C-alpha atoms as a PDB file:
ATOM      1  CA  MET A   1    -101.378  51.240 -97.820  1.00  0.00           C
ATOM      2  CA  ASP A   2    -101.866  53.759 -95.356  1.00  0.00           C
ATOM      3  CA  GLY A   3    -104.628  52.332 -94.802  1.00  0.00           C
ATOM      4  CA  GLN A   4    -103.607  49.008 -94.018  1.00  0.00           C
ATOM      5  CA  ILE A   5    -101.207  50.370 -91.521  1.00  0.00           C
ATOM      6  CA  THR A   6    -103.692  52.375 -89.527  1.00  0.00           C
ATOM      7  CA  ASP A   7    -106.180  48.666 -89.522  1.00  0.00           C
ATOM      8  CA  TYR A   8    -103.623  47.228 -88.032  1.00  0.00           C
ATOM      9  CA  GLN A   9    -102.763  49.904 -85.621  1.00  0.00           C
ATOM     10  CA  ASN A  10    -106.060  50.160 -84.703  1.00  0.00           C
ATOM     11  CA  ILE A  11    -106.409  46.750 -84.280  1.00  0.00           C
ATOM     12  CA  ILE A  12    -103.444  46.400 -81.901  1.00  0.00           C
ATOM     13  CA  GLU A  13    -105.189  49.260 -79.743  1.00  0.00           C
ATOM     14  CA  GLU A  14    -107.991  47.615 -79.596  1.00  0.00           C
ATOM     15  CA  LEU A  15    -106.676  44.618 -77.924  1.00  0.00           C
ATOM     16  CA  LYS A  16    -104.506  46.310 -75.419  1.00  0.00           C
ATOM     17  CA  ALA A  17    -107.682  48.358 -74.103  1.00  0.00           C
ATOM     18  CA  ASP A  18    -109.208  47.334 -71.266  1.00  0.00           C
ATOM     19  CA  ILE A  19    -107.563  46.354 -68.276  1.00  0.00           C
ATOM     20  CA  PHE A  20    -104.309  43.653 -69.030  1.00  0.00           C
ATOM     21  CA  ALA A  21    -101.825  41.910 -66.588  1.00  0.00           C
ATOM     22  CA  ILE A  22     -99.176  41.245 -69.537  1.00  0.00           C
ATOM     23  CA  SER A  23     -98.901  42.661 -72.735  1.00  0.00           C
ATOM     24  CA  TYR A  24     -95.891  42.542 -75.521  1.00  0.00           C
ATOM     25  CA  LEU A  25     -95.520  43.421 -79.223  1.00  0.00           C
ATOM     26  CA  GLY A  26     -93.211  42.035 -81.420  1.00  0.00           C
ATOM     27  CA  ILE A  27     -90.684  39.318 -82.179  1.00  0.00           C
ATOM     28  CA  ILE A  28     -91.613  35.960 -79.889  1.00  0.00           C
ATOM     29  CA  ASP A  29     -88.690  34.377 -79.115  1.00  0.00           C
ATOM     30  CA  ARG A  30     -87.143  31.755 -75.999  1.00  0.00           C
ATOM     31  CA  ASN A  31     -86.173  34.164 -74.231  1.00  0.00           C
ATOM     32  CA  LEU A  32     -88.917  36.352 -74.195  1.00  0.00           C
ATOM     33  CA  LEU A  33     -91.440  33.731 -73.083  1.00  0.00           C
ATOM     34  CA  ALA A  34     -88.827  32.844 -70.456  1.00  0.00           C
ATOM     35  CA  LEU A  35     -88.877  36.389 -69.075  1.00  0.00           C
ATOM     36  CA  MET A  36     -92.980  36.474 -69.719  1.00  0.00           C
ATOM     37  CA  ALA A  37     -93.743  33.107 -67.839  1.00  0.00           C
ATOM     38  CA  LYS A  38     -91.777  34.658 -64.699  1.00  0.00           C
ATOM     39  CA  ASN A  39     -94.214  37.949 -65.282  1.00  0.00           C
ATOM     40  CA  ILE A  40     -97.123  35.549 -65.227  1.00  0.00           C
ATOM     41  CA  ASP A  41     -96.064  33.920 -62.355  1.00  0.00           C
ATOM     42  CA  GLU A  42     -95.787  36.721 -60.427  1.00  0.00           C
ATOM     43  CA  LYS A  43     -99.011  38.480 -61.478  1.00  0.00           C
ATOM     44  CA  ALA A  44    -100.778  35.202 -61.113  1.00  0.00           C
ATOM     45  CA  SER A  45     -99.234  34.008 -57.647  1.00  0.00           C
ATOM     46  CA  ASN A  46    -102.231  34.907 -55.519  1.00  0.00           C
ATOM     47  CA  THR A  47    -104.142  32.897 -57.765  1.00  0.00           C
ATOM     48  CA  ALA A  48    -104.925  29.351 -57.044  1.00  0.00           C
ATOM     49  CA  PRO A  49    -101.318  27.256 -58.243  1.00  0.00           C
ATOM     50  CA  THR A  50    -103.816  24.914 -60.499  1.00  0.00           C
ATOM     51  CA  ALA A  51    -105.074  28.260 -62.410  1.00  0.00           C
ATOM     52  CA  THR A  52    -101.574  29.682 -62.527  1.00  0.00           C
ATOM     53  CA  LYS A  53     -99.988  26.550 -64.174  1.00  0.00           C
ATOM     54  CA  LYS A  54    -102.848  26.409 -66.609  1.00  0.00           C
ATOM     55  CA  VAL A  55    -102.363  30.120 -67.281  1.00  0.00           C
ATOM     56  CA  PHE A  56     -98.490  29.309 -68.086  1.00  0.00           C
ATOM     57  CA  LYS A  57     -99.564  26.476 -70.319  1.00  0.00           C
ATOM     58  CA  VAL A  58    -102.053  28.091 -72.235  1.00  0.00           C
ATOM     59  CA  PHE A  59     -99.777  31.329 -72.669  1.00  0.00           C
ATOM     60  CA  ILE A  60     -96.623  28.925 -74.159  1.00  0.00           C
ATOM     61  CA  GLU A  61     -98.955  27.155 -76.505  1.00  0.00           C
ATOM     62  CA  LEU A  62    -100.461  30.220 -77.681  1.00  0.00           C
ATOM     63  CA  SER A  63     -97.233  32.179 -78.230  1.00  0.00           C
ATOM     64  CA  GLN A  64     -95.305  29.425 -79.534  1.00  0.00           C
ATOM     65  CA  ASN A  65     -98.320  30.090 -82.609  1.00  0.00           C
ATOM     66  CA  ILE A  66     -96.957  33.228 -82.895  1.00  0.00           C
ATOM     67  CA  ALA A  67     -93.836  32.002 -83.360  1.00  0.00           C
ATOM     68  CA  LEU A  68     -94.294  29.149 -85.354  1.00  0.00           C
ATOM     69  CA  TYR A  69     -97.025  30.705 -88.048  1.00  0.00           C
ATOM     70  CA  SER A  70     -96.933  34.359 -88.155  1.00  0.00           C
ATOM     71  CA  ALA A  71     -96.617  35.979 -91.498  1.00  0.00           C
ATOM     72  CA  GLU A  72     -94.303  38.448 -90.172  1.00  0.00           C
ATOM     73  CA  ARG A  73     -90.760  37.413 -89.745  1.00  0.00           C
ATOM     74  CA  GLY A  74     -87.929  38.971 -87.672  1.00  0.00           C
ATOM     75  CA  VAL A  75     -84.580  37.974 -86.490  1.00  0.00           C
ATOM     76  CA  SER A  76     -84.833  37.202 -82.446  1.00  0.00           C
ATOM     77  CA  SER A  77     -82.154  37.874 -79.773  1.00  0.00           C
ATOM     78  CA  ASP A  78     -81.148  34.095 -80.360  1.00  0.00           C
ATOM     79  CA  SER A  79     -80.607  34.574 -84.179  1.00  0.00           C
ATOM     80  CA  SER A  80     -83.713  32.682 -85.006  1.00  0.00           C
ATOM     81  CA  ASN A  81     -86.065  33.807 -87.228  1.00  0.00           C
ATOM     82  CA  SER A  82     -89.317  33.655 -85.586  1.00  0.00           C
ATOM     83  CA  GLY A  83     -92.572  35.167 -85.860  1.00  0.00           C
ATOM     84  CA  GLU A  84     -94.213  38.483 -84.739  1.00  0.00           C
ATOM     85  CA  GLY A  85     -97.471  39.407 -83.125  1.00  0.00           C
ATOM     86  CA  ILE A  86     -98.906  40.818 -80.090  1.00  0.00           C
ATOM     87  CA  ILE A  87     -99.968  38.138 -76.505  1.00  0.00           C
ATOM     88  CA  ILE A  88    -102.010  39.735 -73.865  1.00  0.00           C
ATOM     89  CA  LEU A  89    -102.877  38.221 -70.340  1.00  0.00           C
ATOM     90  CA  LYS A  90    -106.121  40.058 -69.069  1.00  0.00           C
ATOM     91  CA  GLU A  91    -106.976  39.210 -65.386  1.00  0.00           C
ATOM     92  CA  PHE A  92    -110.616  39.334 -64.629  1.00  0.00           C
ATOM     93  CA  SER A  93    -112.711  38.660 -61.008  1.00  0.00           C
ATOM     94  CA  ASP A  94    -113.051  34.564 -62.050  1.00  0.00           C
ATOM     95  CA  TYR A  95    -111.029  34.242 -65.056  1.00  0.00           C
ATOM     96  CA  PHE A  96    -108.022  35.096 -67.176  1.00  0.00           C
ATOM     97  CA  LEU A  97    -107.540  35.320 -70.942  1.00  0.00           C
ATOM     98  CA  VAL A  98    -104.383  35.227 -72.733  1.00  0.00           C
ATOM     99  CA  MET A  99    -104.908  36.750 -76.373  1.00  0.00           C
ATOM    100  CA  THR A 100    -102.262  36.483 -78.963  1.00  0.00           C
ATOM    101  CA  GLY A 101    -102.440  37.685 -82.670  1.00  0.00           C
ATOM    102  CA  ASN A 102    -100.665  38.005 -85.488  1.00  0.00           C
ATOM    103  CA  MET A 103    -100.255  38.421 -89.565  1.00  0.00           C
ATOM    104  CA  ALA A 104    -101.179  35.090 -90.799  1.00  0.00           C
ATOM    105  CA  TYR A 105    -101.384  34.491 -94.599  1.00  0.00           C
ATOM    106  CA  LYS A 106    -105.045  34.422 -96.085  1.00  0.00           C
ATOM    107  CA  ASN A 107    -104.510  30.219 -97.588  1.00  0.00           C
ATOM    108  CA  ASP A 108    -103.345  29.527 -93.954  1.00  0.00           C
ATOM    109  CA  ILE A 109    -106.525  30.975 -92.172  1.00  0.00           C
ATOM    110  CA  ALA A 110    -109.277  28.543 -93.446  1.00  0.00           C
ATOM    111  CA  ALA A 111    -107.314  25.706 -92.009  1.00  0.00           C
ATOM    112  CA  LEU A 112    -106.687  27.044 -88.704  1.00  0.00           C
ATOM    113  CA  THR A 113    -110.273  28.070 -88.411  1.00  0.00           C
ATOM    114  CA  LYS A 114    -111.614  24.634 -89.197  1.00  0.00           C
ATOM    115  CA  LYS A 115    -109.275  23.407 -87.004  1.00  0.00           C
ATOM    116  CA  ILE A 116    -110.267  25.694 -84.001  1.00  0.00           C
ATOM    117  CA  ASP A 117    -113.980  24.623 -85.085  1.00  0.00           C
ATOM    118  CA  MET A 118    -112.976  21.265 -85.096  1.00  0.00           C
ATOM    119  CA  ILE A 119    -111.253  20.895 -81.233  1.00  0.00           C
ATOM    120  CA  ASN A 120    -114.052  22.787 -80.014  1.00  0.00           C
ATOM    121  CA  ALA A 121    -116.774  20.586 -81.246  1.00  0.00           C
ATOM    122  CA  MET A 122    -114.896  17.882 -78.950  1.00  0.00           C
ATOM    123  CA  ASP A 123    -115.422  16.946 -75.515  1.00  0.00           C
ATOM    124  CA  HIS A 124    -112.827  16.359 -73.475  1.00  0.00           C
ATOM    125  CA  HIS A 125    -112.092  12.331 -74.284  1.00  0.00           C
ATOM    126  CA  GLN A 126    -112.326  13.421 -78.091  1.00  0.00           C
ATOM    127  CA  LEU A 127    -109.928  15.636 -77.387  1.00  0.00           C
ATOM    128  CA  ARG A 128    -107.234  13.652 -75.960  1.00  0.00           C
ATOM    129  CA  ASP A 129    -107.722  11.027 -78.640  1.00  0.00           C
ATOM    130  CA  PHE A 130    -106.815  13.478 -81.141  1.00  0.00           C
ATOM    131  CA  LYS A 131    -104.115  14.664 -79.653  1.00  0.00           C
ATOM    132  CA  ARG A 132    -102.781  11.330 -79.462  1.00  0.00           C
ATOM    133  CA  GLN A 133    -103.461  10.631 -83.446  1.00  0.00           C
ATOM    134  CA  MET A 134    -101.667  14.308 -84.282  1.00  0.00           C
ATOM    135  CA  ARG A 135     -98.642  12.961 -82.150  1.00  0.00           C
ATOM    136  CA  ASN A 136     -98.451  10.206 -84.422  1.00  0.00           C
ATOM    137  CA  LEU A 137     -98.180  12.554 -87.464  1.00  0.00           C
ATOM    138  CA  LYS A 138     -94.372  12.954 -88.863  1.00  0.00           C
ATOM    139  CA  HIS A 139     -92.493  15.483 -87.253  1.00  0.00           C
ATOM    140  CA  THR A 140     -91.827  18.646 -89.065  1.00  0.00           C
ATOM    141  CA  ASP A 141     -90.171  21.943 -88.689  1.00  0.00           C
ATOM    142  CA  LYS A 142     -93.141  23.401 -86.921  1.00  0.00           C
ATOM    143  CA  GLY A 143     -93.667  20.548 -84.757  1.00  0.00           C
ATOM    144  CA  ARG A 144     -95.887  17.472 -84.874  1.00  0.00           C
ATOM    145  CA  GLY A 145     -99.345  18.030 -86.360  1.00  0.00           C
ATOM    146  CA  ASN A 146    -100.170  21.244 -84.441  1.00  0.00           C
ATOM    147  CA  ILE A 147    -101.301  19.932 -81.342  1.00  0.00           C
ATOM    148  CA  GLY A 148    -101.130  23.194 -79.379  1.00  0.00           C
ATOM    149  CA  LEU A 149    -104.318  24.380 -80.275  1.00  0.00           C
ATOM    150  CA  ILE A 150    -105.608  21.244 -78.601  1.00  0.00           C
ATOM    151  CA  GLN A 151    -103.644  21.249 -75.501  1.00  0.00           C
ATOM    152  CA  VAL A 152    -104.939  24.897 -74.844  1.00  0.00           C
ATOM    153  CA  ALA A 153    -108.186  23.089 -74.941  1.00  0.00           C
ATOM    154  CA  LEU A 154    -107.932  20.541 -72.911  1.00  0.00           C
ATOM    155  CA  VAL A 155    -106.131  22.605 -70.134  1.00  0.00           C
ATOM    156  CA  SER A 156    -108.420  25.365 -70.393  1.00  0.00           C
ATOM    157  CA  GLY A 157    -111.449  23.465 -70.598  1.00  0.00           C
ATOM    158  CA  ASN A 158    -113.237  26.612 -72.474  1.00  0.00           C
ATOM    159  CA  PRO A 159    -113.465  27.135 -76.315  1.00  0.00           C
ATOM    160  CA  ILE A 160    -110.977  28.168 -78.051  1.00  0.00           C
ATOM    161  CA  LYS A 161    -112.506  31.936 -78.986  1.00  0.00           C
ATOM    162  CA  TYR A 162    -111.143  33.604 -82.789  1.00  0.00           C
ATOM    163  CA  LYS A 163    -111.653  36.664 -85.149  1.00  0.00           C
ATOM    164  CA  ILE A 164    -109.741  37.044 -88.251  1.00  0.00           C
ATOM    165  CA  ILE A 165    -109.655  40.393 -89.192  1.00  0.00           C
ATOM    166  CA  PRO A 166    -108.966  40.697 -93.192  1.00  0.00           C
ATOM    167  CA  LEU A 167    -106.190  43.334 -94.030  1.00  0.00           C
ATOM    168  CA  ASP A 168    -105.609  43.471 -97.721  1.00  0.00           C
ATOM    169  CA  ASP A 169    -105.353  40.794-100.719  1.00  0.00           C
ATOM    170  CA  GLU A 170    -102.786  38.266 -99.149  1.00  0.00           C
ATOM    171  CA  LYS A 171    -102.868  39.111 -95.022  1.00  0.00           C
ATOM    172  CA  SER A 172    -105.484  38.736 -92.041  1.00  0.00           C
ATOM    173  CA  PHE A 173    -105.021  39.494 -88.724  1.00  0.00           C
ATOM    174  CA  ALA A 174    -105.790  36.585 -86.487  1.00  0.00           C
ATOM    175  CA  ILE A 175    -106.300  37.054 -82.800  1.00  0.00           C
ATOM    176  CA  ILE A 176    -106.940  33.712 -80.577  1.00  0.00           C
ATOM    177  CA  SER A 177    -108.222  33.847 -77.230  1.00  0.00           C
ATOM    178  CA  SER A 178    -108.651  31.734 -74.329  1.00  0.00           C
ATOM    179  CA  LYS A 179    -110.371  31.666 -71.069  1.00  0.00           C
ATOM    180  CA  ILE A 180    -108.960  29.972 -68.086  1.00  0.00           C
ATOM    181  CA  ASN A 181    -111.158  29.753 -65.085  1.00  0.00           C
ATOM    182  CA  LYS A 182    -109.452  30.601 -61.530  1.00  0.00           C
ATOM    183  CA  LYS A 183    -111.738  28.260 -59.820  1.00  0.00           C
END
């Protein structure tokens, strides 16, 4: 068990390394998202407005994935059962990088990576058609067909990156990131 904790702590420290504009580790809820959205707007205010809007949209979509799908759950400030994870916004000279990480059950990882690989293989028009198809799926408590990742690819215009780090027999740590060009 100690190895699991150490591995998890090392992952978090590695994610937080480098230069970052915003970083948060904990329960993801509406109140946090509102506060962080304000911080994103302030941090990216000297960037082109289009890039700022894209960063905001990608941030919201990836954060909602944590809130809905994280294997670690906690009671948020609004008394809802929300997912726990890490959100990092890094700024570089010509792009932003939005990164999220959370515990995920191994049986969910295969579906996640398959979907990301499929999304990354599509062009812009195919993504738009796929998003329309997913919207027509039956609504569940976690949304409609998980269109958030499709939206991330459409908004960023870049492939979604992921890294899966096995932690034990049941869980892995899933890192998802998206690059948003400033121009």
